[in-house]
Amino acid sequence: MMMSEEKNTAGMKGKVTAVCVSEKKGTQKTEVPFAVLVPDWGIEGDAHAGKWHRQVSLLAFEKIDEFRKKGAEVDFGAFGENLIVEGFDLKELPVGTRFRIGEVLLELTQIGKACHSHCEIYKVMGDCIMPREGVFTEVIEGGTVRPGDEITLISADPERPFTAAVITLSDRSFRGEREDKSGPVIVEMLKEKGYRVVETLLLPDGRPRLETELKRLADQRQVNVVFTTGGTGFSERDLTPEATIAVSDRLAPGIGEALRAYSMTITPKAMLSRQTAGIRKKTLIVNLPGSPKACRENLEFLLGPLEHGLGILRGTATD
């Protein structure tokens, strides 16, 4: 049974206030009279174009105007944004929302971003709005965008594929001493089941970097499910369950219990697995074992019932 808990944005109208580009990354963008958007690439001539998920950035005019009222003299493009738009609180829109601007179609892929080095605006004002107010999109259909163009929002398709990310935890693989074989197995199986795998990461064992990436994938990319592999055993550096618990709003203990019970029918050593699962906002995090064979066995058992749970989290299925 389908339901409509996802925010309904269909038909909301806004407009393009300004269009900005920059030839080099790390520099402020400047206004241009129009921009040509290329599918699966971005804006022609813009440094951030490419085959990735942050092709075109958007920032609300209303947020820039609020910032200016604090005494900041900022031009359009100063925050690194491509399109300044009016009429939407962008950060409240769910990933998957689409923007129709004439013949152009953009799809929202990320809310906000990490600020690794403070920009000049931050150094002067002690604040920068792009990391929390800006959003990023991919170009689905290309064309030309100009200031004054009308924008129509299209709600995220409730039938769209579930998105997934896969994180391998291994000190040896991270150092290049051993090939990561578990991550590719997980990716292959997910794609066979129709999931859209949006990111794969290889991290060292331990908590800090894993916790950072789990938060980013849940909060900014709003991935439906993150699978980790590795770090679930008894070794001192095996801290994947602790990282999962630390970032989760709620635990889903039945998943870890069920996977262990199933694996116990294959090997009694499964009792030594500490794998768990948790929910952060609308993202499910599932710990899988470190071996490719065990990952395959776990997913063969899990992926069937998991789809219903992900639908509930996304708001497109009922209990």
C-alpha atoms as a PDB file:
ATOM      1  CA  MET A   1       0.000   0.000   0.000  1.00  0.00           C
ATOM      2  CA  MET A   2       1.366   3.389  -0.961  1.00  0.00           C
ATOM      3  CA  MET A   3       1.207   6.554   1.110  1.00  0.00           C
ATOM      4  CA  SER A   4       2.300  10.201   0.759  1.00  0.00           C
ATOM      5  CA  GLU A   5       4.369  11.079   3.821  1.00  0.00           C
ATOM      6  CA  GLU A   6       7.149  12.592   1.757  1.00  0.00           C
ATOM      7  CA  LYS A   7       6.790  16.344   1.517  1.00  0.00           C
ATOM      8  CA  ASN A   8       4.510  17.177  -1.420  1.00  0.00           C
ATOM      9  CA  THR A   9       6.186  19.940  -3.386  1.00  0.00           C
ATOM     10  CA  ALA A  10       4.439  19.346  -6.698  1.00  0.00           C
ATOM     11  CA  GLY A  11       3.516  22.515  -8.550  1.00  0.00           C
ATOM     12  CA  MET A  12       5.267  25.029  -6.275  1.00  0.00           C
ATOM     13  CA  LYS A  13       6.488  27.970  -8.329  1.00  0.00           C
ATOM     14  CA  GLY A  14       9.559  30.158  -8.060  1.00  0.00           C
ATOM     15  CA  LYS A  15      11.951  31.954 -10.352  1.00  0.00           C
ATOM     16  CA  VAL A  16      15.601  32.304 -11.237  1.00  0.00           C
ATOM     17  CA  THR A  17      17.021  35.568  -9.866  1.00  0.00           C
ATOM     18  CA  ALA A  18      20.584  35.286 -11.157  1.00  0.00           C
ATOM     19  CA  VAL A  19      22.939  32.880 -12.922  1.00  0.00           C
ATOM     20  CA  CYS A  20      26.620  32.631 -11.921  1.00  0.00           C
ATOM     21  CA  VAL A  21      29.691  30.679 -13.020  1.00  0.00           C
ATOM     22  CA  SER A  22      33.387  30.465 -12.232  1.00  0.00           C
ATOM     23  CA  GLU A  23      36.239  29.053 -14.292  1.00  0.00           C
ATOM     24  CA  LYS A  24      38.235  27.834 -11.273  1.00  0.00           C
ATOM     25  CA  LYS A  25      37.221  25.993  -8.119  1.00  0.00           C
ATOM     26  CA  GLY A  26      37.691  27.848  -4.876  1.00  0.00           C
ATOM     27  CA  THR A  27      36.865  31.220  -6.405  1.00  0.00           C
ATOM     28  CA  GLN A  28      33.707  33.310  -6.206  1.00  0.00           C
ATOM     29  CA  LYS A  29      31.332  32.990  -9.105  1.00  0.00           C
ATOM     30  CA  THR A  30      30.280  35.966 -11.230  1.00  0.00           C
ATOM     31  CA  GLU A  31      26.941  36.800 -12.829  1.00  0.00           C
ATOM     32  CA  VAL A  32      26.336  35.919 -16.469  1.00  0.00           C
ATOM     33  CA  PRO A  33      23.307  36.712 -18.685  1.00  0.00           C
ATOM     34  CA  PHE A  34      22.545  33.016 -19.249  1.00  0.00           C
ATOM     35  CA  ALA A  35      23.977  29.527 -18.804  1.00  0.00           C
ATOM     36  CA  VAL A  36      23.868  26.438 -21.005  1.00  0.00           C
ATOM     37  CA  LEU A  37      23.251  23.286 -18.976  1.00  0.00           C
ATOM     38  CA  VAL A  38      24.463  19.945 -20.307  1.00  0.00           C
ATOM     39  CA  PRO A  39      22.839  16.664 -19.177  1.00  0.00           C
ATOM     40  CA  ASP A  40      24.919  14.648 -16.678  1.00  0.00           C
ATOM     41  CA  TRP A  41      27.570  17.352 -16.709  1.00  0.00           C
ATOM     42  CA  GLY A  42      26.487  20.781 -15.464  1.00  0.00           C
ATOM     43  CA  ILE A  43      26.965  24.311 -16.739  1.00  0.00           C
ATOM     44  CA  GLU A  44      29.206  24.826 -19.745  1.00  0.00           C
ATOM     45  CA  GLY A  45      32.361  26.657 -18.665  1.00  0.00           C
ATOM     46  CA  ASP A  46      31.788  26.206 -14.920  1.00  0.00           C
ATOM     47  CA  ALA A  47      34.561  24.684 -12.843  1.00  0.00           C
ATOM     48  CA  HIS A  48      32.187  22.441 -10.884  1.00  0.00           C
ATOM     49  CA  ALA A  49      30.701  20.727 -13.925  1.00  0.00           C
ATOM     50  CA  GLY A  50      31.512  17.048 -14.273  1.00  0.00           C
ATOM     51  CA  LYS A  51      30.194  13.517 -13.883  1.00  0.00           C
ATOM     52  CA  TRP A  52      29.336  13.727 -10.206  1.00  0.00           C
ATOM     53  CA  HIS A  53      26.371  14.614  -8.008  1.00  0.00           C
ATOM     54  CA  ARG A  54      27.167  18.305  -7.383  1.00  0.00           C
ATOM     55  CA  GLN A  55      26.898  19.672 -10.913  1.00  0.00           C
ATOM     56  CA  VAL A  56      24.766  22.796 -10.304  1.00  0.00           C
ATOM     57  CA  SER A  57      24.412  24.573  -6.947  1.00  0.00           C
ATOM     58  CA  LEU A  58      21.364  26.567  -5.858  1.00  0.00           C
ATOM     59  CA  LEU A  59      20.925  29.173  -3.137  1.00  0.00           C
ATOM     60  CA  ALA A  60      17.763  31.028  -2.157  1.00  0.00           C
ATOM     61  CA  PHE A  61      17.651  34.783  -2.767  1.00  0.00           C
ATOM     62  CA  GLU A  62      15.739  35.162   0.491  1.00  0.00           C
ATOM     63  CA  LYS A  63      18.675  33.711   2.446  1.00  0.00           C
ATOM     64  CA  ILE A  64      21.157  36.004   0.688  1.00  0.00           C
ATOM     65  CA  ASP A  65      18.913  38.980   1.442  1.00  0.00           C
ATOM     66  CA  GLU A  66      18.764  38.030   5.147  1.00  0.00           C
ATOM     67  CA  PHE A  67      22.561  37.792   5.195  1.00  0.00           C
ATOM     68  CA  ARG A  68      22.902  41.208   3.572  1.00  0.00           C
ATOM     69  CA  LYS A  69      20.680  42.725   6.264  1.00  0.00           C
ATOM     70  CA  LYS A  70      23.306  41.704   8.809  1.00  0.00           C
ATOM     71  CA  GLY A  71      25.661  44.191   7.166  1.00  0.00           C
ATOM     72  CA  ALA A  72      27.389  41.959   4.641  1.00  0.00           C
ATOM     73  CA  GLU A  73      28.028  43.386   1.185  1.00  0.00           C
ATOM     74  CA  VAL A  74      27.896  40.280  -0.971  1.00  0.00           C
ATOM     75  CA  ASP A  75      27.331  39.971  -4.702  1.00  0.00           C
ATOM     76  CA  PHE A  76      25.470  37.121  -6.317  1.00  0.00           C
ATOM     77  CA  GLY A  77      27.881  34.207  -6.686  1.00  0.00           C
ATOM     78  CA  ALA A  78      29.917  35.170  -3.628  1.00  0.00           C
ATOM     79  CA  PHE A  79      28.967  31.950  -1.849  1.00  0.00           C
ATOM     80  CA  GLY A  80      29.900  29.800  -4.850  1.00  0.00           C
ATOM     81  CA  GLU A  81      26.289  29.295  -5.994  1.00  0.00           C
ATOM     82  CA  ASN A  82      25.325  28.801  -9.646  1.00  0.00           C
ATOM     83  CA  LEU A  83      21.640  29.675  -9.514  1.00  0.00           C
ATOM     84  CA  ILE A  84      20.037  32.162  -7.136  1.00  0.00           C
ATOM     85  CA  VAL A  85      16.355  31.286  -6.920  1.00  0.00           C
ATOM     86  CA  GLU A  86      13.286  32.771  -5.236  1.00  0.00           C
ATOM     87  CA  GLY A  87      10.267  31.114  -3.689  1.00  0.00           C
ATOM     88  CA  PHE A  88      11.683  28.041  -1.949  1.00  0.00           C
ATOM     89  CA  ASP A  89      13.264  27.064   1.351  1.00  0.00           C
ATOM     90  CA  LEU A  90      15.721  24.822  -0.440  1.00  0.00           C
ATOM     91  CA  LYS A  91      17.136  22.989   2.558  1.00  0.00           C
ATOM     92  CA  GLU A  92      13.647  21.715   3.456  1.00  0.00           C
ATOM     93  CA  LEU A  93      13.170  19.985   0.098  1.00  0.00           C
ATOM     94  CA  PRO A  94      13.856  16.222   0.056  1.00  0.00           C
ATOM     95  CA  VAL A  95      16.588  14.769  -2.110  1.00  0.00           C
ATOM     96  CA  GLY A  96      14.947  13.541  -5.317  1.00  0.00           C
ATOM     97  CA  THR A  97      12.901  16.740  -5.777  1.00  0.00           C
ATOM     98  CA  ARG A  98      13.151  18.053  -9.336  1.00  0.00           C
ATOM     99  CA  PHE A  99      13.288  21.608 -10.682  1.00  0.00           C
ATOM    100  CA  ARG A 100      11.768  22.300 -14.101  1.00  0.00           C
ATOM    101  CA  ILE A 101      13.165  25.503 -15.672  1.00  0.00           C
ATOM    102  CA  GLY A 102      11.887  25.653 -19.234  1.00  0.00           C
ATOM    103  CA  GLU A 103      13.491  22.748 -21.053  1.00  0.00           C
ATOM    104  CA  VAL A 104      15.972  22.187 -18.223  1.00  0.00           C
ATOM    105  CA  LEU A 105      15.332  19.558 -15.542  1.00  0.00           C
ATOM    106  CA  LEU A 106      17.473  19.394 -12.395  1.00  0.00           C
ATOM    107  CA  GLU A 107      17.317  16.766  -9.648  1.00  0.00           C
ATOM    108  CA  LEU A 108      18.237  17.564  -6.041  1.00  0.00           C
ATOM    109  CA  THR A 109      21.091  15.327  -4.869  1.00  0.00           C
ATOM    110  CA  GLN A 110      22.506  16.918  -1.702  1.00  0.00           C
ATOM    111  CA  ILE A 111      21.483  19.350   1.033  1.00  0.00           C
ATOM    112  CA  GLY A 112      24.285  21.620   2.236  1.00  0.00           C
ATOM    113  CA  LYS A 113      27.941  20.681   2.384  1.00  0.00           C
ATOM    114  CA  ALA A 114      30.882  20.466   4.737  1.00  0.00           C
ATOM    115  CA  CYS A 115      32.987  23.606   5.050  1.00  0.00           C
ATOM    116  CA  HIS A 116      36.604  22.412   5.143  1.00  0.00           C
ATOM    117  CA  SER A 117      38.255  25.829   4.888  1.00  0.00           C
ATOM    118  CA  HIS A 118      36.481  29.031   5.806  1.00  0.00           C
ATOM    119  CA  CYS A 119      35.879  31.415   2.910  1.00  0.00           C
ATOM    120  CA  GLU A 120      36.568  35.148   2.940  1.00  0.00           C
ATOM    121  CA  ILE A 121      32.925  35.861   3.783  1.00  0.00           C
ATOM    122  CA  TYR A 122      33.178  33.697   6.905  1.00  0.00           C
ATOM    123  CA  LYS A 123      36.405  35.399   7.960  1.00  0.00           C
ATOM    124  CA  VAL A 124      34.720  38.813   7.755  1.00  0.00           C
ATOM    125  CA  MET A 125      31.223  37.968   9.039  1.00  0.00           C
ATOM    126  CA  GLY A 126      31.870  34.892  11.161  1.00  0.00           C
ATOM    127  CA  ASP A 127      29.285  33.046   9.108  1.00  0.00           C
ATOM    128  CA  CYS A 128      28.607  31.635   5.655  1.00  0.00           C
ATOM    129  CA  ILE A 129      25.180  30.423   4.545  1.00  0.00           C
ATOM    130  CA  MET A 130      26.156  28.082   1.708  1.00  0.00           C
ATOM    131  CA  PRO A 131      27.101  25.058   3.877  1.00  0.00           C
ATOM    132  CA  ARG A 132      23.653  24.962   5.511  1.00  0.00           C
ATOM    133  CA  GLU A 133      21.352  26.710   2.992  1.00  0.00           C
ATOM    134  CA  GLY A 134      22.784  25.730  -0.392  1.00  0.00           C
ATOM    135  CA  VAL A 135      21.729  22.606  -2.292  1.00  0.00           C
ATOM    136  CA  PHE A 136      23.202  20.672  -5.183  1.00  0.00           C
ATOM    137  CA  THR A 137      21.662  19.117  -8.265  1.00  0.00           C
ATOM    138  CA  GLU A 138      22.382  16.954 -11.277  1.00  0.00           C
ATOM    139  CA  VAL A 139      21.300  17.979 -14.782  1.00  0.00           C
ATOM    140  CA  ILE A 140      18.741  15.466 -16.077  1.00  0.00           C
ATOM    141  CA  GLU A 141      17.662  17.438 -19.166  1.00  0.00           C
ATOM    142  CA  GLY A 142      19.716  20.256 -20.653  1.00  0.00           C
ATOM    143  CA  GLY A 143      18.994  23.668 -22.081  1.00  0.00           C
ATOM    144  CA  THR A 144      19.479  27.366 -21.367  1.00  0.00           C
ATOM    145  CA  VAL A 145      18.646  29.127 -18.092  1.00  0.00           C
ATOM    146  CA  ARG A 146      18.277  32.902 -17.729  1.00  0.00           C
ATOM    147  CA  PRO A 147      17.384  35.268 -14.879  1.00  0.00           C
ATOM    148  CA  GLY A 148      13.616  35.624 -14.681  1.00  0.00           C
ATOM    149  CA  ASP A 149      12.885  32.068 -15.809  1.00  0.00           C
ATOM    150  CA  GLU A 150      10.064  30.362 -13.919  1.00  0.00           C
ATOM    151  CA  ILE A 151      10.829  27.298 -11.814  1.00  0.00           C
ATOM    152  CA  THR A 152       8.291  24.557 -11.139  1.00  0.00           C
ATOM    153  CA  LEU A 153       8.964  21.971  -8.445  1.00  0.00           C
ATOM    154  CA  ILE A 154       8.227  18.312  -9.139  1.00  0.00           C
ATOM    155  CA  SER A 155       7.918  16.016  -6.125  1.00  0.00           C
ATOM    156  CA  ALA A 156      10.306  13.093  -5.834  1.00  0.00           C
ATOM    157  CA  ASP A 157       8.916  10.039  -7.644  1.00  0.00           C
ATOM    158  CA  PRO A 158       7.603   7.594  -4.989  1.00  0.00           C
ATOM    159  CA  GLU A 159       8.462   4.717  -7.316  1.00  0.00           C
ATOM    160  CA  ARG A 160      12.099   5.755  -7.797  1.00  0.00           C
ATOM    161  CA  PRO A 161      14.785   3.165  -6.971  1.00  0.00           C
ATOM    162  CA  PHE A 162      16.154   3.069  -3.459  1.00  0.00           C
ATOM    163  CA  THR A 163      19.568   4.684  -3.112  1.00  0.00           C
ATOM    164  CA  ALA A 164      22.450   3.004  -1.321  1.00  0.00           C
ATOM    165  CA  ALA A 165      26.017   3.673  -0.247  1.00  0.00           C
ATOM    166  CA  VAL A 166      28.648   1.057   0.565  1.00  0.00           C
ATOM    167  CA  ILE A 167      31.498   1.645   3.020  1.00  0.00           C
ATOM    168  CA  THR A 168      34.374  -0.809   3.466  1.00  0.00           C
ATOM    169  CA  LEU A 169      36.278  -0.614   6.768  1.00  0.00           C
ATOM    170  CA  SER A 170      39.778  -2.079   6.584  1.00  0.00           C
ATOM    171  CA  ASP A 171      43.156  -0.717   7.656  1.00  0.00           C
ATOM    172  CA  ARG A 172      44.990  -3.042   5.279  1.00  0.00           C
ATOM    173  CA  SER A 173      42.812  -2.268   2.253  1.00  0.00           C
ATOM    174  CA  PHE A 174      42.975   1.452   3.021  1.00  0.00           C
ATOM    175  CA  ARG A 175      46.790   1.247   2.989  1.00  0.00           C
ATOM    176  CA  GLY A 176      46.691  -0.645  -0.321  1.00  0.00           C
ATOM    177  CA  GLU A 177      48.025  -3.883   1.174  1.00  0.00           C
ATOM    178  CA  ARG A 178      44.928  -5.943   0.374  1.00  0.00           C
ATOM    179  CA  GLU A 179      42.251  -5.680  -2.302  1.00  0.00           C
ATOM    180  CA  ASP A 180      38.772  -4.802  -1.127  1.00  0.00           C
ATOM    181  CA  LYS A 181      36.625  -7.685  -2.331  1.00  0.00           C
ATOM    182  CA  SER A 182      33.609  -7.270  -0.044  1.00  0.00           C
ATOM    183  CA  GLY A 183      32.557  -3.803  -1.204  1.00  0.00           C
ATOM    184  CA  PRO A 184      32.289  -4.783  -4.885  1.00  0.00           C
ATOM    185  CA  VAL A 185      30.230  -7.875  -3.971  1.00  0.00           C
ATOM    186  CA  ILE A 186      27.735  -5.701  -2.098  1.00  0.00           C
ATOM    187  CA  VAL A 187      27.551  -3.177  -4.956  1.00  0.00           C
ATOM    188  CA  GLU A 188      26.977  -5.923  -7.522  1.00  0.00           C
ATOM    189  CA  MET A 189      24.162  -7.510  -5.525  1.00  0.00           C
ATOM    190  CA  LEU A 190      22.464  -4.180  -4.858  1.00  0.00           C
ATOM    191  CA  LYS A 191      22.518  -3.199  -8.520  1.00  0.00           C
ATOM    192  CA  GLU A 192      21.092  -6.594  -9.465  1.00  0.00           C
ATOM    193  CA  LYS A 193      18.169  -5.851  -7.134  1.00  0.00           C
ATOM    194  CA  GLY A 194      17.544  -2.438  -8.695  1.00  0.00           C
ATOM    195  CA  TYR A 195      19.206  -0.206  -6.076  1.00  0.00           C
ATOM    196  CA  ARG A 196      20.995   2.946  -7.222  1.00  0.00           C
ATOM    197  CA  VAL A 197      24.428   2.863  -5.586  1.00  0.00           C
ATOM    198  CA  VAL A 198      25.384   6.533  -5.264  1.00  0.00           C
ATOM    199  CA  GLU A 199      28.671   6.226  -3.343  1.00  0.00           C
ATOM    200  CA  THR A 200      31.328   3.676  -2.409  1.00  0.00           C
ATOM    201  CA  LEU A 201      33.975   4.464   0.193  1.00  0.00           C
ATOM    202  CA  LEU A 202      37.064   2.716   1.541  1.00  0.00           C
ATOM    203  CA  LEU A 203      37.990   3.835   5.056  1.00  0.00           C
ATOM    204  CA  PRO A 204      40.415   2.718   7.752  1.00  0.00           C
ATOM    205  CA  ASP A 205      38.988   0.860  10.738  1.00  0.00           C
ATOM    206  CA  GLY A 206      37.887   2.927  13.718  1.00  0.00           C
ATOM    207  CA  ARG A 207      35.162   5.428  14.497  1.00  0.00           C
ATOM    208  CA  PRO A 208      35.947   9.078  13.601  1.00  0.00           C
ATOM    209  CA  ARG A 209      35.946   8.987   9.803  1.00  0.00           C
ATOM    210  CA  LEU A 210      33.138   6.441   9.652  1.00  0.00           C
ATOM    211  CA  GLU A 211      30.908   8.551  11.895  1.00  0.00           C
ATOM    212  CA  THR A 212      31.573  11.632   9.748  1.00  0.00           C
ATOM    213  CA  GLU A 213      30.655   9.810   6.533  1.00  0.00           C
ATOM    214  CA  LEU A 214      27.542   8.175   8.001  1.00  0.00           C
ATOM    215  CA  LYS A 215      26.265  11.580   9.128  1.00  0.00           C
ATOM    216  CA  ARG A 216      26.966  13.121   5.708  1.00  0.00           C
ATOM    217  CA  LEU A 217      25.289  10.310   3.795  1.00  0.00           C
ATOM    218  CA  ALA A 218      22.195  10.458   5.994  1.00  0.00           C
ATOM    219  CA  ASP A 219      21.874  14.212   6.512  1.00  0.00           C
ATOM    220  CA  GLN A 220      23.102  15.700   3.239  1.00  0.00           C
ATOM    221  CA  ARG A 221      22.658  12.964   0.640  1.00  0.00           C
ATOM    222  CA  GLN A 222      19.634  11.365   2.338  1.00  0.00           C
ATOM    223  CA  VAL A 223      20.657   7.908   1.131  1.00  0.00           C
ATOM    224  CA  ASN A 224      18.005   5.275   1.848  1.00  0.00           C
ATOM    225  CA  VAL A 225      20.444   2.656   3.143  1.00  0.00           C
ATOM    226  CA  VAL A 226      24.143   2.513   3.975  1.00  0.00           C
ATOM    227  CA  PHE A 227      25.857  -0.879   4.122  1.00  0.00           C
ATOM    228  CA  THR A 228      29.158  -1.164   5.961  1.00  0.00           C
ATOM    229  CA  THR A 229      31.461  -4.161   5.634  1.00  0.00           C
ATOM    230  CA  GLY A 230      34.193  -4.952   8.128  1.00  0.00           C
ATOM    231  CA  GLY A 231      34.975  -3.894  11.661  1.00  0.00           C
ATOM    232  CA  THR A 232      32.371  -6.083  13.369  1.00  0.00           C
ATOM    233  CA  GLY A 233      34.657  -8.576  15.098  1.00  0.00           C
ATOM    234  CA  PHE A 234      36.677  -8.710  18.309  1.00  0.00           C
ATOM    235  CA  SER A 235      39.834  -6.900  17.192  1.00  0.00           C
ATOM    236  CA  GLU A 236      40.706  -3.698  19.014  1.00  0.00           C
ATOM    237  CA  ARG A 237      40.131  -1.613  15.854  1.00  0.00           C
ATOM    238  CA  ASP A 238      36.771  -3.268  15.072  1.00  0.00           C
ATOM    239  CA  LEU A 239      34.521  -0.362  16.017  1.00  0.00           C
ATOM    240  CA  THR A 240      31.940  -0.252  13.233  1.00  0.00           C
ATOM    241  CA  PRO A 241      29.000  -1.145  15.536  1.00  0.00           C
ATOM    242  CA  GLU A 242      30.033   1.554  18.016  1.00  0.00           C
ATOM    243  CA  ALA A 243      30.162   4.158  15.235  1.00  0.00           C
ATOM    244  CA  THR A 244      26.765   3.042  13.952  1.00  0.00           C
ATOM    245  CA  ILE A 245      25.191   3.281  17.402  1.00  0.00           C
ATOM    246  CA  ALA A 246      26.788   6.695  18.028  1.00  0.00           C
ATOM    247  CA  VAL A 247      25.230   8.329  14.958  1.00  0.00           C
ATOM    248  CA  SER A 248      21.845   6.573  15.053  1.00  0.00           C
ATOM    249  CA  ASP A 249      18.645   8.143  16.352  1.00  0.00           C
ATOM    250  CA  ARG A 250      17.094   4.704  16.778  1.00  0.00           C
ATOM    251  CA  LEU A 251      18.445   1.171  16.673  1.00  0.00           C
ATOM    252  CA  ALA A 252      17.073  -1.668  14.567  1.00  0.00           C
ATOM    253  CA  PRO A 253      18.376  -4.627  16.606  1.00  0.00           C
ATOM    254  CA  GLY A 254      16.236  -7.204  14.823  1.00  0.00           C
ATOM    255  CA  ILE A 255      18.356  -6.915  11.686  1.00  0.00           C
ATOM    256  CA  GLY A 256      21.631  -7.794  13.404  1.00  0.00           C
ATOM    257  CA  GLU A 257      19.938 -10.545  15.408  1.00  0.00           C
ATOM    258  CA  ALA A 258      18.362 -12.055  12.291  1.00  0.00           C
ATOM    259  CA  LEU A 259      21.605 -11.948  10.317  1.00  0.00           C
ATOM    260  CA  ARG A 260      23.508 -13.655  13.133  1.00  0.00           C
ATOM    261  CA  ALA A 261      20.806 -16.306  13.525  1.00  0.00           C
ATOM    262  CA  TYR A 262      20.877 -17.012   9.797  1.00  0.00           C
ATOM    263  CA  SER A 263      24.676 -17.113   9.681  1.00  0.00           C
ATOM    264  CA  MET A 264      24.688 -19.529  12.635  1.00  0.00           C
ATOM    265  CA  THR A 265      23.073 -22.093  10.329  1.00  0.00           C
ATOM    266  CA  ILE A 266      26.202 -21.831   8.179  1.00  0.00           C
ATOM    267  CA  THR A 267      28.989 -21.502  10.780  1.00  0.00           C
ATOM    268  CA  PRO A 268      29.005 -21.375  14.607  1.00  0.00           C
ATOM    269  CA  LYS A 269      31.610 -18.587  14.379  1.00  0.00           C
ATOM    270  CA  ALA A 270      28.750 -16.246  13.460  1.00  0.00           C
ATOM    271  CA  MET A 271      28.096 -15.879  17.198  1.00  0.00           C
ATOM    272  CA  LEU A 272      31.259 -13.766  17.320  1.00  0.00           C
ATOM    273  CA  SER A 273      29.838 -11.122  14.990  1.00  0.00           C
ATOM    274  CA  ARG A 274      28.877  -7.844  16.668  1.00  0.00           C
ATOM    275  CA  GLN A 275      27.091  -6.390  13.646  1.00  0.00           C
ATOM    276  CA  THR A 276      24.139  -4.110  14.297  1.00  0.00           C
ATOM    277  CA  ALA A 277      21.809  -1.726  12.473  1.00  0.00           C
ATOM    278  CA  GLY A 278      20.441   1.732  13.196  1.00  0.00           C
ATOM    279  CA  ILE A 279      18.356   4.550  11.747  1.00  0.00           C
ATOM    280  CA  ARG A 280      19.515   8.136  11.368  1.00  0.00           C
ATOM    281  CA  LYS A 281      16.649  10.353  10.196  1.00  0.00           C
ATOM    282  CA  LYS A 282      15.359   8.399   7.176  1.00  0.00           C
ATOM    283  CA  THR A 283      18.546   6.444   6.471  1.00  0.00           C
ATOM    284  CA  LEU A 284      19.042   2.848   7.557  1.00  0.00           C
ATOM    285  CA  ILE A 285      22.598   1.773   8.403  1.00  0.00           C
ATOM    286  CA  VAL A 286      23.365  -1.963   8.281  1.00  0.00           C
ATOM    287  CA  ASN A 287      26.639  -3.576   9.343  1.00  0.00           C
ATOM    288  CA  LEU A 288      27.721  -6.553   7.250  1.00  0.00           C
ATOM    289  CA  PRO A 289      30.670  -8.885   7.959  1.00  0.00           C
ATOM    290  CA  GLY A 290      34.085  -8.369   6.430  1.00  0.00           C
ATOM    291  CA  SER A 291      34.307 -11.456   4.211  1.00  0.00           C
ATOM    292  CA  PRO A 292      32.849 -11.417   0.672  1.00  0.00           C
ATOM    293  CA  LYS A 293      31.242 -14.820   1.210  1.00  0.00           C
ATOM    294  CA  ALA A 294      29.502 -13.706   4.407  1.00  0.00           C
ATOM    295  CA  CYS A 295      28.366 -10.441   2.770  1.00  0.00           C
ATOM    296  CA  ARG A 296      26.769 -12.366  -0.075  1.00  0.00           C
ATOM    297  CA  GLU A 297      25.038 -14.765   2.334  1.00  0.00           C
ATOM    298  CA  ASN A 298      23.758 -11.910   4.496  1.00  0.00           C
ATOM    299  CA  LEU A 299      22.365  -9.951   1.561  1.00  0.00           C
ATOM    300  CA  GLU A 300      20.680 -12.988   0.009  1.00  0.00           C
ATOM    301  CA  PHE A 301      18.808 -13.362   3.298  1.00  0.00           C
ATOM    302  CA  LEU A 302      18.215  -9.655   3.971  1.00  0.00           C
ATOM    303  CA  LEU A 303      17.316  -7.888   0.733  1.00  0.00           C
ATOM    304  CA  GLY A 304      13.848  -9.414   0.396  1.00  0.00           C
ATOM    305  CA  PRO A 305      12.293  -8.104   3.630  1.00  0.00           C
ATOM    306  CA  LEU A 306      14.483  -4.998   3.678  1.00  0.00           C
ATOM    307  CA  GLU A 307      12.633  -3.316   0.804  1.00  0.00           C
ATOM    308  CA  HIS A 308       9.463  -2.999   2.886  1.00  0.00           C
ATOM    309  CA  GLY A 309      11.333  -1.389   5.768  1.00  0.00           C
ATOM    310  CA  LEU A 310      13.008   1.128   3.467  1.00  0.00           C
ATOM    311  CA  GLY A 311       9.638   2.013   1.984  1.00  0.00           C
ATOM    312  CA  ILE A 312       8.319   2.761   5.468  1.00  0.00           C
ATOM    313  CA  LEU A 313      11.325   4.973   6.234  1.00  0.00           C
ATOM    314  CA  ARG A 314      10.919   6.841   2.945  1.00  0.00           C
ATOM    315  CA  GLY A 315       7.192   7.279   3.487  1.00  0.00           C
ATOM    316  CA  THR A 316       6.089   5.344   0.424  1.00  0.00           C
ATOM    317  CA  ALA A 317       4.849   2.201   2.212  1.00  0.00           C
ATOM    318  CA  THR A 318       2.814   1.465   5.334  1.00  0.00           C
ATOM    319  CA  ASP A 319       3.311  -0.948   8.202  1.00  0.00           C
END
